[in-house]
Amino acid sequence: MLVGKPVVLVIDIQKGAFFAPPPGGRLPLLPDFAERFHRARTVVDAARRNNVPVIFFQEAHRPNLVDFGRELDGTEDIHCVEGDPGTPLATEEMGILPDDYVIKKRRYSCFFGTELEILLKGLGADTLILTGGFTDVCVHYTFVDAHQHDYYCRVVEDCVSGSSPEAHAASLRAMEYLQAGALRTAEEIIEGLDAAAS
């Protein structure tokens, strides 16, 4: 399950994930959205316990919207704007420490226009463990890029949440299609991290 050196990616678990969804919101989010992200903290804690690196990602856009590109052409409206209360990382909820690896990204994939590839090479990463959201957007696109960079990818399926139940399920199937055995539970990943360190 965990080949070589693992690294945990915490994708876009930001303050807004723990706010009550706005009435009449455009996205039919999973009903246990926040619970899934709280569960991701258990994976982060297991990684820390076993000296496995954790990288936190923050989607953030400039207030003048110049870096949204085609992102607003679909269902999503303006989101994750710098200075908005929901945009900062969920530091307390995820237990982010001052010396943690944090990468700000302007687009969906964690690889696109970021320093991720350099950091992963420096860490000697082989297996990437993905948590966060959305399953069907940033997690999925990051998974595909990681797959094409020849990383082993594991998606913690009960620690990711999608823009809708249907999109969430479809993306999980698509990622499993690319790498058989990619879908894992938090319990499996935590047991694997503990076992690898013993």
N, C-alpha and C. Protein backbone atom coordinates (compact mmCIF):
# COMPACT_ATOMS: atom_id res chain seq x y z
N MET A 1 0.83 -1.20 0.00
CA MET A 1 0.00 0.00 0.00
C MET A 1 0.87 1.26 0.00
N LEU A 2 1.88 1.31 0.86
CA LEU A 2 2.78 2.46 0.93
C LEU A 2 4.14 2.02 0.38
N VAL A 3 4.43 2.44 -0.83
CA VAL A 3 5.66 2.06 -1.50
C VAL A 3 6.73 3.11 -1.23
N GLY A 4 7.90 2.65 -0.76
CA GLY A 4 8.98 3.60 -0.52
C GLY A 4 8.60 4.63 0.53
N LYS A 5 8.95 5.88 0.27
CA LYS A 5 8.73 6.95 1.24
C LYS A 5 7.40 7.66 0.97
N PRO A 6 6.48 7.65 1.95
CA PRO A 6 5.20 8.34 1.76
C PRO A 6 5.27 9.81 2.16
N VAL A 7 4.40 10.59 1.55
CA VAL A 7 4.19 12.00 1.91
C VAL A 7 2.68 12.24 1.89
N VAL A 8 2.17 12.93 2.89
CA VAL A 8 0.74 13.24 2.97
C VAL A 8 0.50 14.62 2.37
N LEU A 9 -0.50 14.71 1.47
CA LEU A 9 -0.92 15.97 0.90
C LEU A 9 -2.29 16.33 1.48
N VAL A 10 -2.38 17.50 2.09
CA VAL A 10 -3.65 18.00 2.63
C VAL A 10 -4.09 19.13 1.71
N ILE A 11 -5.08 18.84 0.87
CA ILE A 11 -5.43 19.72 -0.24
C ILE A 11 -6.62 20.61 0.13
N ASP A 12 -6.36 21.89 0.26
CA ASP A 12 -7.41 22.91 0.37
C ASP A 12 -8.37 22.70 1.55
N ILE A 13 -7.86 22.24 2.67
CA ILE A 13 -8.69 22.22 3.87
C ILE A 13 -8.49 23.57 4.54
N GLN A 14 -9.43 24.47 4.24
CA GLN A 14 -9.33 25.87 4.62
C GLN A 14 -10.47 26.23 5.56
N LYS A 15 -10.40 27.39 6.16
CA LYS A 15 -11.38 27.80 7.17
C LYS A 15 -12.82 27.66 6.69
N GLY A 16 -13.05 28.00 5.44
CA GLY A 16 -14.41 27.96 4.91
C GLY A 16 -15.04 26.58 4.94
N ALA A 17 -14.21 25.54 4.97
CA ALA A 17 -14.75 24.17 5.02
C ALA A 17 -15.51 23.90 6.31
N PHE A 18 -15.25 24.69 7.33
CA PHE A 18 -15.88 24.46 8.62
C PHE A 18 -16.97 25.49 8.92
N PHE A 19 -17.27 26.34 7.93
CA PHE A 19 -18.40 27.26 8.07
C PHE A 19 -19.67 26.55 7.63
N ALA A 20 -20.81 26.98 8.14
CA ALA A 20 -22.08 26.44 7.67
C ALA A 20 -22.25 26.81 6.20
N PRO A 21 -22.69 25.85 5.36
CA PRO A 21 -22.85 26.19 3.94
C PRO A 21 -23.91 27.28 3.76
N PRO A 22 -23.69 28.19 2.82
CA PRO A 22 -24.66 29.27 2.62
C PRO A 22 -25.97 28.71 2.08
N PRO A 23 -27.10 29.28 2.49
CA PRO A 23 -28.38 28.80 1.96
C PRO A 23 -28.45 29.04 0.46
N GLY A 24 -28.94 28.05 -0.25
CA GLY A 24 -29.03 28.18 -1.70
C GLY A 24 -27.70 28.14 -2.41
N GLY A 25 -26.70 27.50 -1.78
CA GLY A 25 -25.38 27.41 -2.41
C GLY A 25 -25.44 26.67 -3.73
N ARG A 26 -24.48 26.94 -4.60
CA ARG A 26 -24.49 26.38 -5.95
C ARG A 26 -24.05 24.93 -5.99
N LEU A 27 -23.36 24.44 -4.94
CA LEU A 27 -22.81 23.08 -4.97
C LEU A 27 -23.53 22.19 -3.95
N PRO A 28 -24.01 21.03 -4.37
CA PRO A 28 -24.66 20.09 -3.44
C PRO A 28 -23.63 19.24 -2.69
N LEU A 29 -22.91 19.86 -1.80
CA LEU A 29 -21.79 19.22 -1.09
C LEU A 29 -22.24 17.97 -0.35
N LEU A 30 -21.30 17.08 -0.07
CA LEU A 30 -21.61 15.91 0.74
C LEU A 30 -22.07 16.36 2.12
N PRO A 31 -23.07 15.68 2.68
CA PRO A 31 -23.60 16.13 3.98
C PRO A 31 -22.60 16.05 5.12
N ASP A 32 -21.61 15.16 5.02
CA ASP A 32 -20.61 15.02 6.08
C ASP A 32 -19.28 15.66 5.70
N PHE A 33 -19.35 16.71 4.92
CA PHE A 33 -18.19 17.44 4.41
C PHE A 33 -17.18 17.76 5.50
N ALA A 34 -17.60 18.46 6.55
CA ALA A 34 -16.68 18.87 7.61
C ALA A 34 -16.16 17.67 8.39
N GLU A 35 -17.01 16.69 8.59
CA GLU A 35 -16.59 15.48 9.31
C GLU A 35 -15.45 14.78 8.59
N ARG A 36 -15.50 14.74 7.29
CA ARG A 36 -14.44 14.11 6.49
C ARG A 36 -13.12 14.86 6.69
N PHE A 37 -13.20 16.19 6.76
CA PHE A 37 -11.99 16.97 6.93
C PHE A 37 -11.45 16.86 8.36
N HIS A 38 -12.33 16.75 9.33
CA HIS A 38 -11.86 16.49 10.70
C HIS A 38 -11.15 15.14 10.76
N ARG A 39 -11.65 14.16 10.02
CA ARG A 39 -11.02 12.84 9.99
C ARG A 39 -9.63 12.92 9.35
N ALA A 40 -9.45 13.83 8.40
CA ALA A 40 -8.13 14.01 7.78
C ALA A 40 -7.08 14.36 8.82
N ARG A 41 -7.50 15.02 9.87
CA ARG A 41 -6.57 15.37 10.95
C ARG A 41 -5.97 14.11 11.57
N THR A 42 -6.71 13.02 11.63
CA THR A 42 -6.18 11.78 12.19
C THR A 42 -5.04 11.23 11.33
N VAL A 43 -5.14 11.44 10.02
CA VAL A 43 -4.07 11.01 9.12
C VAL A 43 -2.85 11.91 9.31
N VAL A 44 -3.08 13.21 9.44
CA VAL A 44 -1.98 14.15 9.71
C VAL A 44 -1.27 13.77 11.00
N ASP A 45 -2.04 13.48 12.04
CA ASP A 45 -1.44 13.12 13.33
C ASP A 45 -0.63 11.83 13.21
N ALA A 46 -1.14 10.85 12.47
CA ALA A 46 -0.40 9.60 12.27
C ALA A 46 0.89 9.84 11.50
N ALA A 47 0.83 10.72 10.50
CA ALA A 47 2.04 11.04 9.74
C ALA A 47 3.09 11.68 10.65
N ARG A 48 2.66 12.63 11.47
CA ARG A 48 3.61 13.28 12.38
C ARG A 48 4.22 12.27 13.35
N ARG A 49 3.38 11.39 13.87
CA ARG A 49 3.84 10.38 14.83
C ARG A 49 4.92 9.48 14.23
N ASN A 50 4.85 9.31 12.90
CA ASN A 50 5.77 8.40 12.22
C ASN A 50 6.79 9.12 11.34
N ASN A 51 6.98 10.41 11.58
CA ASN A 51 7.97 11.21 10.85
C ASN A 51 7.78 11.19 9.34
N VAL A 52 6.51 11.19 8.93
CA VAL A 52 6.17 11.25 7.51
C VAL A 52 5.85 12.71 7.18
N PRO A 53 6.46 13.27 6.15
CA PRO A 53 6.20 14.67 5.82
C PRO A 53 4.74 14.92 5.44
N VAL A 54 4.26 16.10 5.79
CA VAL A 54 2.91 16.55 5.44
C VAL A 54 3.05 17.89 4.71
N ILE A 55 2.34 18.01 3.60
CA ILE A 55 2.33 19.27 2.84
C ILE A 55 0.90 19.78 2.80
N PHE A 56 0.70 21.03 3.21
CA PHE A 56 -0.61 21.66 3.23
C PHE A 56 -0.74 22.60 2.03
N PHE A 57 -1.87 22.54 1.36
CA PHE A 57 -2.12 23.37 0.19
C PHE A 57 -3.28 24.33 0.45
N GLN A 58 -3.12 25.54 -0.02
CA GLN A 58 -4.14 26.57 0.12
C GLN A 58 -4.46 27.14 -1.26
N GLU A 59 -5.71 26.94 -1.68
CA GLU A 59 -6.14 27.63 -2.90
C GLU A 59 -6.43 29.08 -2.53
N ALA A 60 -5.84 30.01 -3.26
CA ALA A 60 -6.03 31.42 -2.95
C ALA A 60 -5.93 32.24 -4.24
N HIS A 61 -6.87 33.16 -4.40
CA HIS A 61 -6.90 34.00 -5.59
C HIS A 61 -6.80 35.47 -5.20
N ARG A 62 -6.15 36.24 -6.04
CA ARG A 62 -5.99 37.67 -5.78
C ARG A 62 -7.36 38.37 -5.83
N PRO A 63 -7.53 39.40 -5.02
CA PRO A 63 -8.82 40.10 -4.98
C PRO A 63 -9.27 40.69 -6.32
N ASN A 64 -8.33 40.99 -7.21
CA ASN A 64 -8.74 41.53 -8.50
C ASN A 64 -9.13 40.44 -9.50
N LEU A 65 -9.08 39.16 -9.05
CA LEU A 65 -9.55 37.98 -9.80
C LEU A 65 -8.69 37.68 -11.03
N VAL A 66 -7.54 38.28 -11.16
CA VAL A 66 -6.72 38.12 -12.36
C VAL A 66 -6.26 36.69 -12.58
N ASP A 67 -6.15 35.90 -11.51
CA ASP A 67 -5.59 34.55 -11.66
C ASP A 67 -6.64 33.44 -11.69
N PHE A 68 -7.91 33.77 -11.85
CA PHE A 68 -8.94 32.74 -11.95
C PHE A 68 -8.92 32.03 -13.29
N GLY A 69 -8.53 32.71 -14.35
CA GLY A 69 -8.51 32.07 -15.67
C GLY A 69 -9.89 31.57 -16.05
N ARG A 70 -9.97 30.32 -16.53
CA ARG A 70 -11.22 29.71 -16.96
C ARG A 70 -11.98 29.09 -15.79
N GLU A 71 -11.48 29.24 -14.58
CA GLU A 71 -12.06 28.56 -13.41
C GLU A 71 -13.51 28.97 -13.15
N LEU A 72 -13.91 30.14 -13.57
CA LEU A 72 -15.27 30.61 -13.32
C LEU A 72 -16.23 30.28 -14.46
N ASP A 73 -15.76 29.55 -15.46
CA ASP A 73 -16.61 29.20 -16.59
C ASP A 73 -17.59 28.08 -16.26
N GLY A 74 -17.33 27.33 -15.19
CA GLY A 74 -18.17 26.19 -14.85
C GLY A 74 -19.16 26.53 -13.75
N THR A 75 -19.36 25.58 -12.85
CA THR A 75 -20.37 25.72 -11.80
C THR A 75 -19.92 26.60 -10.65
N GLU A 76 -18.61 26.62 -10.37
CA GLU A 76 -18.12 27.36 -9.21
C GLU A 76 -18.18 28.87 -9.45
N ASP A 77 -18.54 29.58 -8.39
CA ASP A 77 -18.48 31.03 -8.46
C ASP A 77 -17.18 31.50 -7.80
N ILE A 78 -17.04 32.78 -7.58
CA ILE A 78 -15.82 33.32 -6.98
C ILE A 78 -15.62 32.71 -5.60
N HIS A 79 -14.41 32.22 -5.33
CA HIS A 79 -14.12 31.51 -4.09
C HIS A 79 -12.65 31.66 -3.75
N CYS A 80 -12.33 31.43 -2.48
CA CYS A 80 -10.94 31.41 -2.00
C CYS A 80 -10.17 32.69 -2.38
N VAL A 81 -10.80 33.81 -2.18
CA VAL A 81 -10.14 35.09 -2.47
C VAL A 81 -9.34 35.52 -1.24
N GLU A 82 -8.11 35.95 -1.49
CA GLU A 82 -7.26 36.41 -0.39
C GLU A 82 -7.96 37.52 0.38
N GLY A 83 -7.96 37.42 1.70
CA GLY A 83 -8.61 38.40 2.54
C GLY A 83 -10.01 37.98 2.98
N ASP A 84 -10.62 37.01 2.29
CA ASP A 84 -11.93 36.51 2.72
C ASP A 84 -11.77 35.62 3.94
N PRO A 85 -12.74 35.58 4.85
CA PRO A 85 -12.58 34.81 6.09
C PRO A 85 -12.45 33.31 5.90
N GLY A 86 -12.96 32.76 4.81
CA GLY A 86 -12.86 31.32 4.60
C GLY A 86 -11.60 30.86 3.89
N THR A 87 -10.78 31.79 3.42
CA THR A 87 -9.61 31.43 2.60
C THR A 87 -8.40 30.94 3.39
N PRO A 88 -8.12 31.45 4.59
CA PRO A 88 -6.94 30.94 5.31
C PRO A 88 -7.00 29.44 5.56
N LEU A 89 -5.85 28.83 5.68
CA LEU A 89 -5.81 27.41 6.04
C LEU A 89 -6.48 27.18 7.38
N ALA A 90 -7.03 25.98 7.56
CA ALA A 90 -7.67 25.61 8.82
C ALA A 90 -6.56 25.18 9.79
N THR A 91 -5.81 26.16 10.25
CA THR A 91 -4.60 25.92 11.03
C THR A 91 -4.88 25.14 12.31
N GLU A 92 -5.86 25.57 13.07
CA GLU A 92 -6.16 24.90 14.34
C GLU A 92 -6.76 23.51 14.10
N GLU A 93 -7.70 23.43 13.17
CA GLU A 93 -8.38 22.15 12.90
C GLU A 93 -7.40 21.09 12.40
N MET A 94 -6.43 21.50 11.61
CA MET A 94 -5.48 20.55 11.03
C MET A 94 -4.18 20.46 11.82
N GLY A 95 -4.03 21.29 12.83
CA GLY A 95 -2.81 21.25 13.64
C GLY A 95 -1.58 21.68 12.88
N ILE A 96 -1.72 22.69 12.03
CA ILE A 96 -0.59 23.15 11.23
C ILE A 96 0.40 23.88 12.12
N LEU A 97 1.67 23.53 11.96
CA LEU A 97 2.75 24.10 12.77
C LEU A 97 3.53 25.14 11.97
N PRO A 98 4.20 26.05 12.65
CA PRO A 98 4.91 27.14 11.94
C PRO A 98 5.94 26.66 10.93
N ASP A 99 6.56 25.50 11.17
CA ASP A 99 7.60 25.03 10.25
C ASP A 99 7.08 23.99 9.26
N ASP A 100 5.76 23.83 9.14
CA ASP A 100 5.20 22.90 8.17
C ASP A 100 5.40 23.40 6.75
N TYR A 101 5.34 22.46 5.81
CA TYR A 101 5.37 22.80 4.40
C TYR A 101 3.99 23.29 3.99
N VAL A 102 3.91 24.51 3.47
CA VAL A 102 2.65 25.10 3.02
C VAL A 102 2.88 25.65 1.62
N ILE A 103 1.99 25.29 0.70
CA ILE A 103 2.09 25.76 -0.68
C ILE A 103 0.77 26.43 -1.06
N LYS A 104 0.87 27.66 -1.53
CA LYS A 104 -0.30 28.37 -2.04
C LYS A 104 -0.41 28.07 -3.52
N LYS A 105 -1.63 27.80 -3.98
CA LYS A 105 -1.82 27.51 -5.40
C LYS A 105 -2.93 28.37 -5.97
N ARG A 106 -2.81 28.69 -7.24
CA ARG A 106 -3.78 29.53 -7.94
C ARG A 106 -4.72 28.72 -8.81
N ARG A 107 -4.39 27.49 -9.07
CA ARG A 107 -5.20 26.63 -9.94
C ARG A 107 -5.52 25.33 -9.21
N TYR A 108 -6.25 24.46 -9.87
CA TYR A 108 -6.76 23.26 -9.19
C TYR A 108 -5.67 22.26 -8.81
N SER A 109 -4.83 21.87 -9.75
CA SER A 109 -3.81 20.87 -9.45
C SER A 109 -2.73 21.45 -8.54
N CYS A 110 -2.33 20.67 -7.56
CA CYS A 110 -1.25 21.09 -6.65
C CYS A 110 0.09 21.19 -7.37
N PHE A 111 0.20 20.59 -8.55
CA PHE A 111 1.44 20.64 -9.31
C PHE A 111 1.54 21.87 -10.20
N PHE A 112 0.40 22.43 -10.60
CA PHE A 112 0.38 23.46 -11.65
C PHE A 112 0.87 24.79 -11.10
N GLY A 113 2.03 25.22 -11.59
CA GLY A 113 2.57 26.52 -11.22
C GLY A 113 3.03 26.63 -9.78
N THR A 114 3.34 25.50 -9.14
CA THR A 114 3.81 25.52 -7.75
C THR A 114 5.18 24.87 -7.64
N GLU A 115 5.72 24.88 -6.43
CA GLU A 115 7.03 24.28 -6.16
C GLU A 115 6.91 22.81 -5.74
N LEU A 116 5.73 22.20 -5.89
CA LEU A 116 5.52 20.86 -5.35
C LEU A 116 6.52 19.84 -5.86
N GLU A 117 6.76 19.82 -7.16
CA GLU A 117 7.66 18.80 -7.71
C GLU A 117 9.06 18.92 -7.11
N ILE A 118 9.56 20.12 -6.93
CA ILE A 118 10.88 20.32 -6.32
C ILE A 118 10.87 19.81 -4.89
N LEU A 119 9.81 20.14 -4.15
CA LEU A 119 9.73 19.71 -2.75
C LEU A 119 9.65 18.19 -2.64
N LEU A 120 8.85 17.55 -3.49
CA LEU A 120 8.74 16.09 -3.45
C LEU A 120 10.06 15.42 -3.76
N LYS A 121 10.80 15.96 -4.71
CA LYS A 121 12.13 15.41 -5.02
C LYS A 121 13.04 15.55 -3.81
N GLY A 122 13.02 16.71 -3.17
CA GLY A 122 13.85 16.91 -1.99
C GLY A 122 13.49 15.98 -0.86
N LEU A 123 12.21 15.67 -0.72
CA LEU A 123 11.75 14.76 0.34
C LEU A 123 11.95 13.29 -0.02
N GLY A 124 12.28 13.01 -1.28
CA GLY A 124 12.46 11.62 -1.71
C GLY A 124 11.15 10.86 -1.76
N ALA A 125 10.06 11.52 -2.10
CA ALA A 125 8.73 10.91 -2.06
C ALA A 125 8.55 9.84 -3.12
N ASP A 126 7.86 8.78 -2.73
CA ASP A 126 7.46 7.71 -3.65
C ASP A 126 5.94 7.58 -3.72
N THR A 127 5.30 7.59 -2.55
CA THR A 127 3.84 7.43 -2.45
C THR A 127 3.22 8.71 -1.91
N LEU A 128 2.22 9.22 -2.61
CA LEU A 128 1.50 10.41 -2.16
C LEU A 128 0.14 9.99 -1.62
N ILE A 129 -0.15 10.43 -0.40
CA ILE A 129 -1.41 10.14 0.28
C ILE A 129 -2.25 11.41 0.23
N LEU A 130 -3.38 11.37 -0.48
CA LEU A 130 -4.17 12.56 -0.74
C LEU A 130 -5.40 12.64 0.16
N THR A 131 -5.58 13.80 0.80
CA THR A 131 -6.77 14.11 1.58
C THR A 131 -7.24 15.49 1.15
N GLY A 132 -8.49 15.85 1.48
CA GLY A 132 -8.97 17.20 1.25
C GLY A 132 -10.08 17.30 0.24
N GLY A 133 -10.11 18.39 -0.49
CA GLY A 133 -11.23 18.62 -1.39
C GLY A 133 -10.83 19.50 -2.57
N PHE A 134 -11.73 19.53 -3.51
CA PHE A 134 -12.83 18.63 -3.78
C PHE A 134 -12.31 17.36 -4.41
N THR A 135 -12.95 16.25 -4.09
CA THR A 135 -12.57 14.96 -4.67
C THR A 135 -12.51 15.05 -6.19
N ASP A 136 -13.51 15.68 -6.78
CA ASP A 136 -13.68 15.71 -8.23
C ASP A 136 -12.95 16.87 -8.91
N VAL A 137 -12.28 17.71 -8.13
CA VAL A 137 -11.59 18.84 -8.74
C VAL A 137 -10.11 18.80 -8.32
N CYS A 138 -9.75 19.47 -7.25
CA CYS A 138 -8.34 19.60 -6.89
C CYS A 138 -7.69 18.26 -6.53
N VAL A 139 -8.42 17.39 -5.83
CA VAL A 139 -7.84 16.08 -5.50
C VAL A 139 -7.64 15.27 -6.77
N HIS A 140 -8.67 15.21 -7.60
CA HIS A 140 -8.60 14.42 -8.83
C HIS A 140 -7.49 14.93 -9.77
N TYR A 141 -7.44 16.25 -9.97
CA TYR A 141 -6.44 16.79 -10.89
C TYR A 141 -5.02 16.60 -10.35
N THR A 142 -4.87 16.71 -9.04
CA THR A 142 -3.56 16.46 -8.43
C THR A 142 -3.17 15.00 -8.58
N PHE A 143 -4.14 14.11 -8.36
CA PHE A 143 -3.90 12.67 -8.52
C PHE A 143 -3.41 12.38 -9.94
N VAL A 144 -4.10 12.92 -10.94
CA VAL A 144 -3.73 12.64 -12.33
C VAL A 144 -2.31 13.15 -12.62
N ASP A 145 -1.99 14.34 -12.17
CA ASP A 145 -0.64 14.86 -12.39
C ASP A 145 0.40 14.02 -11.65
N ALA A 146 0.09 13.61 -10.43
CA ALA A 146 1.02 12.76 -9.68
C ALA A 146 1.22 11.42 -10.38
N HIS A 147 0.14 10.85 -10.88
CA HIS A 147 0.20 9.59 -11.62
C HIS A 147 1.11 9.74 -12.84
N GLN A 148 0.97 10.86 -13.56
CA GLN A 148 1.78 11.07 -14.76
C GLN A 148 3.23 11.40 -14.43
N HIS A 149 3.49 11.78 -13.16
CA HIS A 149 4.87 11.96 -12.70
C HIS A 149 5.41 10.67 -12.08
N ASP A 150 4.65 9.58 -12.18
CA ASP A 150 5.06 8.25 -11.74
C ASP A 150 5.12 8.07 -10.22
N TYR A 151 4.32 8.84 -9.49
CA TYR A 151 4.17 8.60 -8.05
C TYR A 151 3.09 7.55 -7.82
N TYR A 152 3.28 6.76 -6.78
CA TYR A 152 2.18 5.92 -6.31
C TYR A 152 1.21 6.83 -5.57
N CYS A 153 -0.07 6.67 -5.82
CA CYS A 153 -1.07 7.57 -5.24
C CYS A 153 -2.09 6.79 -4.43
N ARG A 154 -2.38 7.29 -3.24
CA ARG A 154 -3.42 6.70 -2.38
C ARG A 154 -4.36 7.83 -1.98
N VAL A 155 -5.64 7.65 -2.24
CA VAL A 155 -6.66 8.63 -1.88
C VAL A 155 -7.38 8.11 -0.65
N VAL A 156 -7.39 8.90 0.41
CA VAL A 156 -8.07 8.48 1.64
C VAL A 156 -9.54 8.83 1.45
N GLU A 157 -10.31 7.83 1.00
CA GLU A 157 -11.66 8.11 0.49
C GLU A 157 -12.62 8.65 1.54
N ASP A 158 -12.37 8.40 2.82
CA ASP A 158 -13.23 8.98 3.86
C ASP A 158 -12.64 10.27 4.43
N CYS A 159 -11.60 10.79 3.77
CA CYS A 159 -10.99 12.08 4.16
C CYS A 159 -10.96 13.04 2.97
N VAL A 160 -11.76 12.76 1.95
CA VAL A 160 -11.93 13.67 0.83
C VAL A 160 -13.43 13.91 0.66
N SER A 161 -13.77 15.06 0.11
CA SER A 161 -15.18 15.39 -0.09
C SER A 161 -15.35 16.12 -1.41
N GLY A 162 -16.45 15.79 -2.10
CA GLY A 162 -16.65 16.33 -3.43
C GLY A 162 -17.66 17.46 -3.51
N SER A 163 -17.79 18.00 -4.71
CA SER A 163 -18.73 19.09 -4.95
C SER A 163 -20.17 18.59 -5.01
N SER A 164 -20.34 17.28 -5.19
CA SER A 164 -21.64 16.64 -5.13
C SER A 164 -21.41 15.16 -4.86
N PRO A 165 -22.41 14.45 -4.33
CA PRO A 165 -22.23 13.00 -4.12
C PRO A 165 -21.90 12.26 -5.41
N GLU A 166 -22.53 12.64 -6.51
CA GLU A 166 -22.30 11.95 -7.78
C GLU A 166 -20.89 12.20 -8.30
N ALA A 167 -20.46 13.45 -8.24
CA ALA A 167 -19.12 13.79 -8.72
C ALA A 167 -18.04 13.15 -7.85
N HIS A 168 -18.27 13.12 -6.55
CA HIS A 168 -17.35 12.48 -5.61
C HIS A 168 -17.16 11.01 -5.98
N ALA A 169 -18.26 10.29 -6.15
CA ALA A 169 -18.19 8.86 -6.45
C ALA A 169 -17.54 8.61 -7.81
N ALA A 170 -17.89 9.42 -8.79
CA ALA A 170 -17.32 9.22 -10.13
C ALA A 170 -15.81 9.46 -10.12
N SER A 171 -15.35 10.45 -9.39
CA SER A 171 -13.91 10.73 -9.34
C SER A 171 -13.15 9.63 -8.61
N LEU A 172 -13.73 9.11 -7.55
CA LEU A 172 -13.08 7.98 -6.87
C LEU A 172 -12.91 6.80 -7.83
N ARG A 173 -13.95 6.51 -8.61
CA ARG A 173 -13.84 5.42 -9.59
C ARG A 173 -12.77 5.72 -10.64
N ALA A 174 -12.70 6.97 -11.08
CA ALA A 174 -11.72 7.34 -12.11
C ALA A 174 -10.29 7.21 -11.59
N MET A 175 -10.07 7.58 -10.33
CA MET A 175 -8.72 7.47 -9.77
C MET A 175 -8.34 6.01 -9.54
N GLU A 176 -9.29 5.20 -9.10
CA GLU A 176 -9.03 3.76 -8.94
C GLU A 176 -8.73 3.12 -10.30
N TYR A 177 -9.35 3.62 -11.34
CA TYR A 177 -9.09 3.13 -12.69
C TYR A 177 -7.63 3.36 -13.07
N LEU A 178 -7.08 4.51 -12.70
CA LEU A 178 -5.69 4.82 -13.04
C LEU A 178 -4.69 4.00 -12.24
N GLN A 179 -4.99 3.79 -10.95
CA GLN A 179 -4.09 3.00 -10.10
C GLN A 179 -4.93 2.08 -9.22
N ALA A 180 -4.93 0.80 -9.56
CA ALA A 180 -5.68 -0.18 -8.77
C ALA A 180 -5.15 -0.17 -7.33
N GLY A 181 -6.06 -0.10 -6.37
CA GLY A 181 -5.66 -0.07 -4.98
C GLY A 181 -5.43 1.33 -4.45
N ALA A 182 -5.76 2.34 -5.26
CA ALA A 182 -5.53 3.72 -4.85
C ALA A 182 -6.46 4.14 -3.72
N LEU A 183 -7.67 3.61 -3.68
CA LEU A 183 -8.65 4.04 -2.69
C LEU A 183 -8.43 3.31 -1.37
N ARG A 184 -8.25 4.08 -0.31
CA ARG A 184 -7.98 3.54 1.02
C ARG A 184 -8.77 4.31 2.06
N THR A 185 -9.00 3.70 3.19
CA THR A 185 -9.68 4.39 4.28
C THR A 185 -8.62 5.00 5.21
N ALA A 186 -9.07 5.93 6.04
CA ALA A 186 -8.17 6.53 7.02
C ALA A 186 -7.58 5.44 7.92
N GLU A 187 -8.41 4.50 8.32
CA GLU A 187 -7.93 3.43 9.20
C GLU A 187 -6.82 2.63 8.54
N GLU A 188 -6.98 2.30 7.26
CA GLU A 188 -5.94 1.55 6.54
C GLU A 188 -4.64 2.35 6.45
N ILE A 189 -4.77 3.62 6.10
CA ILE A 189 -3.58 4.46 5.96
C ILE A 189 -2.86 4.62 7.29
N ILE A 190 -3.61 4.87 8.35
CA ILE A 190 -3.01 5.05 9.67
C ILE A 190 -2.30 3.76 10.10
N GLU A 191 -2.95 2.63 9.89
CA GLU A 191 -2.31 1.35 10.23
C GLU A 191 -1.05 1.15 9.40
N GLY A 192 -1.10 1.53 8.12
CA GLY A 192 0.07 1.39 7.26
C GLY A 192 1.22 2.29 7.68
N LEU A 193 0.90 3.51 8.07
CA LEU A 193 1.94 4.44 8.54
C LEU A 193 2.58 3.93 9.82
N ASP A 194 1.75 3.44 10.73
CA ASP A 194 2.27 2.92 12.00
C ASP A 194 3.13 1.68 11.78
N ALA A 195 2.67 0.79 10.88
CA ALA A 195 3.39 -0.46 10.62
C ALA A 195 4.73 -0.19 9.94
N ALA A 196 4.75 0.78 9.02
CA ALA A 196 5.99 1.08 8.31
C ALA A 196 7.05 1.63 9.23
N ALA A 197 6.64 2.28 10.30
CA ALA A 197 7.60 2.88 11.21
C ALA A 197 8.07 1.92 12.28
N SER A 198 7.38 0.80 12.44
CA SER A 198 7.75 -0.12 13.54
C SER A 198 8.80 -1.13 13.10
